[in-house]
Amino acid sequence: MSLTIRERRRLAFHRLMLDRGLTRQQTSEILHVSFDTIKSWMKPETSTSSNPVPEWALELLALKVPVPDPVNMGEPGEIGYHRRLAAAAFGIRLPAGPGRAPAKKAKAKPAKKRARR
């Protein structure tokens, strides 16, 4: 059985959310739509209250939230994993912890010497 375009979009949208570790609430805030809109997009097309996922929503979500770097995420059971995943989704830089690359430190500027008079 072949999937309809509407169903393929719904599954692609769901996959985008899962890959980026986003909740429905976070997705609604990123796309500037209501939570109920996201809920209706996530329902299968056989449901009476479902709405098709617009193409712009797929493209905008993919552009606004890049896939997190799996190297610095750690393991799903590790403490802080979901915090790092959400931070990566929203572009927030967290301090380094065990098993992750250290954050780059800013170089201190040397003090200026005063001219003698």
N, C-alpha and C. Protein backbone atom coordinates (compact mmCIF):
# COMPACT_ATOMS: atom_id res chain seq x y z
N MET A 1 0.84 -1.18 0.00
CA MET A 1 0.00 0.00 0.00
C MET A 1 0.88 1.24 0.00
N SER A 2 0.59 2.17 -0.85
CA SER A 2 1.36 3.39 -0.99
C SER A 2 0.80 4.47 -0.05
N LEU A 3 1.71 5.25 0.55
CA LEU A 3 1.29 6.34 1.42
C LEU A 3 0.91 7.56 0.59
N THR A 4 -0.06 8.30 1.09
CA THR A 4 -0.44 9.54 0.41
C THR A 4 0.60 10.62 0.70
N ILE A 5 0.57 11.68 -0.08
CA ILE A 5 1.49 12.80 0.15
C ILE A 5 1.27 13.39 1.53
N ARG A 6 0.01 13.51 1.91
CA ARG A 6 -0.33 14.05 3.22
C ARG A 6 0.27 13.22 4.35
N GLU A 7 0.17 11.91 4.23
CA GLU A 7 0.71 11.01 5.26
C GLU A 7 2.24 11.04 5.26
N ARG A 8 2.86 11.14 4.09
CA ARG A 8 4.32 11.23 4.02
C ARG A 8 4.83 12.51 4.69
N ARG A 9 4.10 13.61 4.49
CA ARG A 9 4.48 14.87 5.14
C ARG A 9 4.35 14.76 6.66
N ARG A 10 3.27 14.13 7.10
CA ARG A 10 3.06 13.98 8.54
C ARG A 10 4.19 13.17 9.17
N LEU A 11 4.57 12.09 8.52
CA LEU A 11 5.65 11.25 9.03
C LEU A 11 7.00 11.97 8.97
N ALA A 12 7.22 12.75 7.92
CA ALA A 12 8.47 13.51 7.81
C ALA A 12 8.54 14.57 8.91
N PHE A 13 7.41 15.22 9.19
CA PHE A 13 7.35 16.23 10.24
C PHE A 13 7.64 15.59 11.60
N HIS A 14 7.05 14.45 11.83
CA HIS A 14 7.28 13.73 13.09
C HIS A 14 8.75 13.33 13.23
N ARG A 15 9.36 12.88 12.14
CA ARG A 15 10.77 12.49 12.13
C ARG A 15 11.67 13.70 12.42
N LEU A 16 11.33 14.86 11.85
CA LEU A 16 12.09 16.09 12.12
C LEU A 16 12.07 16.42 13.61
N MET A 17 10.89 16.31 14.21
CA MET A 17 10.77 16.60 15.63
C MET A 17 11.58 15.61 16.47
N LEU A 18 11.50 14.33 16.13
CA LEU A 18 12.24 13.31 16.89
C LEU A 18 13.75 13.48 16.75
N ASP A 19 14.22 13.72 15.53
CA ASP A 19 15.65 13.86 15.29
C ASP A 19 16.24 15.05 16.04
N ARG A 20 15.45 16.07 16.24
CA ARG A 20 15.92 17.28 16.90
C ARG A 20 15.58 17.31 18.38
N GLY A 21 14.88 16.29 18.85
CA GLY A 21 14.55 16.19 20.27
C GLY A 21 13.56 17.24 20.72
N LEU A 22 12.63 17.63 19.85
CA LEU A 22 11.68 18.68 20.17
C LEU A 22 10.35 18.11 20.64
N THR A 23 9.76 18.81 21.59
CA THR A 23 8.42 18.46 22.03
C THR A 23 7.43 19.21 21.13
N ARG A 24 6.17 18.89 21.27
CA ARG A 24 5.15 19.59 20.48
C ARG A 24 5.08 21.06 20.88
N GLN A 25 5.25 21.32 22.18
CA GLN A 25 5.21 22.70 22.67
C GLN A 25 6.38 23.51 22.09
N GLN A 26 7.58 22.95 22.12
CA GLN A 26 8.75 23.64 21.56
C GLN A 26 8.57 23.87 20.06
N THR A 27 8.03 22.89 19.36
CA THR A 27 7.81 23.02 17.93
C THR A 27 6.82 24.12 17.63
N SER A 28 5.76 24.21 18.43
CA SER A 28 4.76 25.26 18.19
C SER A 28 5.37 26.64 18.42
N GLU A 29 6.26 26.78 19.40
CA GLU A 29 6.92 28.07 19.64
C GLU A 29 7.88 28.43 18.52
N ILE A 30 8.59 27.45 18.00
CA ILE A 30 9.55 27.71 16.92
C ILE A 30 8.82 28.14 15.65
N LEU A 31 7.71 27.48 15.33
CA LEU A 31 6.98 27.75 14.09
C LEU A 31 5.94 28.86 14.24
N HIS A 32 5.76 29.36 15.47
CA HIS A 32 4.79 30.43 15.75
C HIS A 32 3.37 30.02 15.36
N VAL A 33 3.00 28.81 15.77
CA VAL A 33 1.64 28.32 15.60
C VAL A 33 1.15 27.82 16.96
N SER A 34 -0.12 27.59 17.09
CA SER A 34 -0.65 27.13 18.37
C SER A 34 -0.31 25.65 18.61
N PHE A 35 -0.36 25.28 19.88
CA PHE A 35 -0.11 23.89 20.26
C PHE A 35 -1.16 22.98 19.62
N ASP A 36 -2.41 23.46 19.56
CA ASP A 36 -3.48 22.66 18.95
C ASP A 36 -3.25 22.42 17.46
N THR A 37 -2.61 23.38 16.79
CA THR A 37 -2.28 23.20 15.38
C THR A 37 -1.30 22.05 15.21
N ILE A 38 -0.27 22.02 16.06
CA ILE A 38 0.72 20.93 16.01
C ILE A 38 0.02 19.60 16.28
N LYS A 39 -0.88 19.57 17.27
CA LYS A 39 -1.61 18.34 17.58
C LYS A 39 -2.40 17.86 16.38
N SER A 40 -3.05 18.79 15.67
CA SER A 40 -3.87 18.38 14.52
C SER A 40 -2.99 17.91 13.36
N TRP A 41 -1.79 18.47 13.24
CA TRP A 41 -0.86 18.02 12.19
C TRP A 41 -0.35 16.62 12.47
N MET A 42 -0.22 16.27 13.75
CA MET A 42 0.35 14.98 14.13
C MET A 42 -0.65 13.82 14.04
N LYS A 43 -1.93 14.13 13.92
CA LYS A 43 -2.95 13.07 13.84
C LYS A 43 -2.95 12.45 12.45
N PRO A 44 -3.20 11.15 12.36
CA PRO A 44 -3.27 10.51 11.04
C PRO A 44 -4.45 11.07 10.24
N GLU A 45 -4.34 10.97 8.92
CA GLU A 45 -5.37 11.57 8.07
C GLU A 45 -6.73 10.90 8.22
N THR A 46 -6.77 9.73 8.82
CA THR A 46 -8.06 9.05 9.04
C THR A 46 -8.84 9.70 10.18
N SER A 47 -8.17 10.50 11.00
CA SER A 47 -8.83 11.19 12.10
C SER A 47 -9.63 12.38 11.56
N THR A 48 -10.79 12.62 12.12
CA THR A 48 -11.65 13.70 11.61
C THR A 48 -11.08 15.08 11.91
N SER A 49 -10.34 15.23 12.99
CA SER A 49 -9.82 16.55 13.36
C SER A 49 -8.37 16.77 12.92
N SER A 50 -7.90 15.98 11.96
CA SER A 50 -6.52 16.16 11.48
C SER A 50 -6.47 17.22 10.40
N ASN A 51 -5.31 17.85 10.29
CA ASN A 51 -5.04 18.81 9.23
C ASN A 51 -3.71 18.43 8.58
N PRO A 52 -3.56 18.67 7.28
CA PRO A 52 -2.29 18.33 6.64
C PRO A 52 -1.16 19.25 7.09
N VAL A 53 0.04 18.71 7.18
CA VAL A 53 1.21 19.51 7.53
C VAL A 53 1.59 20.33 6.30
N PRO A 54 1.66 21.67 6.44
CA PRO A 54 2.04 22.47 5.28
C PRO A 54 3.52 22.28 4.95
N GLU A 55 3.85 22.41 3.68
CA GLU A 55 5.24 22.25 3.24
C GLU A 55 6.15 23.26 3.91
N TRP A 56 5.66 24.49 4.14
CA TRP A 56 6.49 25.52 4.77
C TRP A 56 6.91 25.11 6.19
N ALA A 57 6.05 24.37 6.89
CA ALA A 57 6.38 23.95 8.25
C ALA A 57 7.56 22.99 8.26
N LEU A 58 7.58 22.06 7.30
CA LEU A 58 8.71 21.13 7.19
C LEU A 58 10.01 21.87 6.90
N GLU A 59 9.95 22.78 5.92
CA GLU A 59 11.16 23.51 5.53
C GLU A 59 11.65 24.43 6.64
N LEU A 60 10.73 25.14 7.29
CA LEU A 60 11.11 26.08 8.33
C LEU A 60 11.71 25.37 9.54
N LEU A 61 11.12 24.27 9.94
CA LEU A 61 11.64 23.52 11.07
C LEU A 61 13.04 22.97 10.77
N ALA A 62 13.24 22.49 9.56
CA ALA A 62 14.56 21.97 9.18
C ALA A 62 15.61 23.07 9.15
N LEU A 63 15.22 24.27 8.74
CA LEU A 63 16.16 25.39 8.68
C LEU A 63 16.45 26.00 10.05
N LYS A 64 15.42 26.13 10.86
CA LYS A 64 15.58 26.81 12.15
C LYS A 64 16.28 25.96 13.20
N VAL A 65 16.11 24.65 13.12
CA VAL A 65 16.67 23.77 14.15
C VAL A 65 17.53 22.70 13.49
N PRO A 66 18.85 22.92 13.45
CA PRO A 66 19.72 21.90 12.83
C PRO A 66 19.78 20.64 13.68
N VAL A 67 20.16 19.55 13.06
CA VAL A 67 20.30 18.29 13.79
C VAL A 67 21.46 18.42 14.77
N PRO A 68 21.27 18.05 16.05
CA PRO A 68 22.34 18.17 17.03
C PRO A 68 23.53 17.27 16.69
N ASP A 69 24.71 17.70 17.11
CA ASP A 69 25.94 16.94 16.89
C ASP A 69 25.96 15.74 17.84
N PRO A 70 25.88 14.51 17.31
CA PRO A 70 25.81 13.33 18.19
C PRO A 70 27.09 13.09 18.97
N VAL A 71 28.22 13.62 18.53
CA VAL A 71 29.49 13.40 19.22
C VAL A 71 29.47 14.03 20.60
N ASN A 72 28.90 15.23 20.73
CA ASN A 72 28.91 15.95 21.99
C ASN A 72 27.65 15.77 22.82
N MET A 73 26.75 14.90 22.39
CA MET A 73 25.50 14.71 23.12
C MET A 73 25.63 13.69 24.25
N GLY A 74 26.52 12.73 24.11
CA GLY A 74 26.61 11.67 25.10
C GLY A 74 25.62 10.57 24.78
N GLU A 75 25.28 9.80 25.79
CA GLU A 75 24.34 8.68 25.63
C GLU A 75 22.99 9.05 26.22
N PRO A 76 21.90 8.49 25.67
CA PRO A 76 20.56 8.82 26.17
C PRO A 76 20.37 8.58 27.66
N GLY A 77 21.03 7.61 28.26
CA GLY A 77 20.88 7.35 29.69
C GLY A 77 21.74 8.24 30.57
N GLU A 78 22.65 8.97 29.99
CA GLU A 78 23.59 9.80 30.73
C GLU A 78 22.88 11.03 31.33
N ILE A 79 23.32 11.42 32.50
CA ILE A 79 22.73 12.58 33.17
C ILE A 79 22.97 13.83 32.31
N GLY A 80 21.92 14.59 32.08
CA GLY A 80 22.02 15.83 31.32
C GLY A 80 21.89 15.67 29.82
N TYR A 81 21.66 14.44 29.36
CA TYR A 81 21.56 14.20 27.91
C TYR A 81 20.44 15.03 27.28
N HIS A 82 19.25 14.98 27.86
CA HIS A 82 18.11 15.69 27.28
C HIS A 82 18.29 17.19 27.39
N ARG A 83 18.97 17.65 28.43
CA ARG A 83 19.27 19.09 28.56
C ARG A 83 20.19 19.54 27.44
N ARG A 84 21.22 18.75 27.15
CA ARG A 84 22.14 19.10 26.07
C ARG A 84 21.45 19.03 24.72
N LEU A 85 20.56 18.04 24.55
CA LEU A 85 19.83 17.89 23.30
C LEU A 85 18.93 19.11 23.05
N ALA A 86 18.21 19.54 24.08
CA ALA A 86 17.35 20.72 23.94
C ALA A 86 18.17 21.98 23.71
N ALA A 87 19.31 22.08 24.40
CA ALA A 87 20.17 23.26 24.22
C ALA A 87 20.70 23.32 22.79
N ALA A 88 21.07 22.19 22.25
CA ALA A 88 21.57 22.15 20.87
C ALA A 88 20.46 22.53 19.89
N ALA A 89 19.24 22.10 20.19
CA ALA A 89 18.12 22.41 19.31
C ALA A 89 17.83 23.90 19.27
N PHE A 90 18.05 24.59 20.39
CA PHE A 90 17.77 26.01 20.46
C PHE A 90 19.02 26.87 20.30
N GLY A 91 20.16 26.24 20.02
CA GLY A 91 21.38 27.00 19.77
C GLY A 91 22.02 27.57 21.03
N ILE A 92 21.77 26.95 22.17
CA ILE A 92 22.33 27.43 23.43
C ILE A 92 23.63 26.68 23.70
N ARG A 93 24.67 27.40 24.07
CA ARG A 93 25.97 26.78 24.35
C ARG A 93 26.06 26.46 25.84
N LEU A 94 26.28 25.20 26.17
CA LEU A 94 26.41 24.76 27.55
C LEU A 94 27.88 24.58 27.90
N PRO A 95 28.23 24.71 29.19
CA PRO A 95 29.62 24.44 29.58
C PRO A 95 29.96 22.97 29.38
N ALA A 96 31.24 22.70 29.21
CA ALA A 96 31.70 21.33 28.97
C ALA A 96 31.50 20.48 30.22
N GLY A 97 31.31 19.20 30.01
CA GLY A 97 31.16 18.26 31.10
C GLY A 97 31.90 16.99 30.75
N PRO A 98 31.76 15.94 31.54
CA PRO A 98 32.47 14.70 31.26
C PRO A 98 32.04 14.09 29.92
N GLY A 99 33.02 13.71 29.12
CA GLY A 99 32.75 13.04 27.87
C GLY A 99 32.41 13.96 26.71
N ARG A 100 32.55 15.25 26.93
CA ARG A 100 32.26 16.20 25.85
C ARG A 100 33.47 17.10 25.63
N ALA A 101 33.51 17.70 24.46
CA ALA A 101 34.61 18.60 24.14
C ALA A 101 34.54 19.83 25.04
N PRO A 102 35.67 20.31 25.55
CA PRO A 102 35.64 21.49 26.42
C PRO A 102 35.25 22.74 25.63
N ALA A 103 34.60 23.66 26.32
CA ALA A 103 34.23 24.92 25.69
C ALA A 103 35.49 25.76 25.47
N LYS A 104 35.51 26.48 24.38
CA LYS A 104 36.66 27.32 24.09
C LYS A 104 36.67 28.51 25.02
N LYS A 105 37.82 28.79 25.61
CA LYS A 105 37.95 29.93 26.51
C LYS A 105 38.39 31.14 25.71
N ALA A 106 37.86 32.27 26.08
CA ALA A 106 38.26 33.52 25.42
C ALA A 106 39.64 33.91 25.93
N LYS A 107 40.48 34.37 25.02
CA LYS A 107 41.81 34.79 25.40
C LYS A 107 41.74 36.15 26.09
N ALA A 108 42.48 36.26 27.17
CA ALA A 108 42.53 37.53 27.89
C ALA A 108 43.43 38.50 27.13
N LYS A 109 42.98 39.74 27.02
CA LYS A 109 43.80 40.74 26.35
C LYS A 109 44.86 41.25 27.32
N PRO A 110 46.09 41.43 26.85
CA PRO A 110 47.13 41.95 27.74
C PRO A 110 46.82 43.39 28.13
N ALA A 111 47.20 43.73 29.33
CA ALA A 111 46.96 45.08 29.83
C ALA A 111 47.83 46.06 29.04
N LYS A 112 47.28 47.24 28.75
CA LYS A 112 48.02 48.24 28.02
C LYS A 112 49.03 48.91 28.96
N LYS A 113 50.21 49.15 28.43
CA LYS A 113 51.23 49.83 29.23
C LYS A 113 50.99 51.32 29.15
N ARG A 114 51.19 51.97 30.27
CA ARG A 114 51.02 53.41 30.31
C ARG A 114 52.31 54.07 29.86
N ALA A 115 52.15 55.11 29.11
CA ALA A 115 53.32 55.84 28.64
C ALA A 115 53.92 56.64 29.79
N ARG A 116 55.25 56.63 29.86
CA ARG A 116 55.93 57.39 30.93
C ARG A 116 56.03 58.84 30.49
N ARG A 117 55.92 59.70 31.44
CA ARG A 117 56.07 61.14 31.15
C ARG A 117 57.26 61.72 31.81
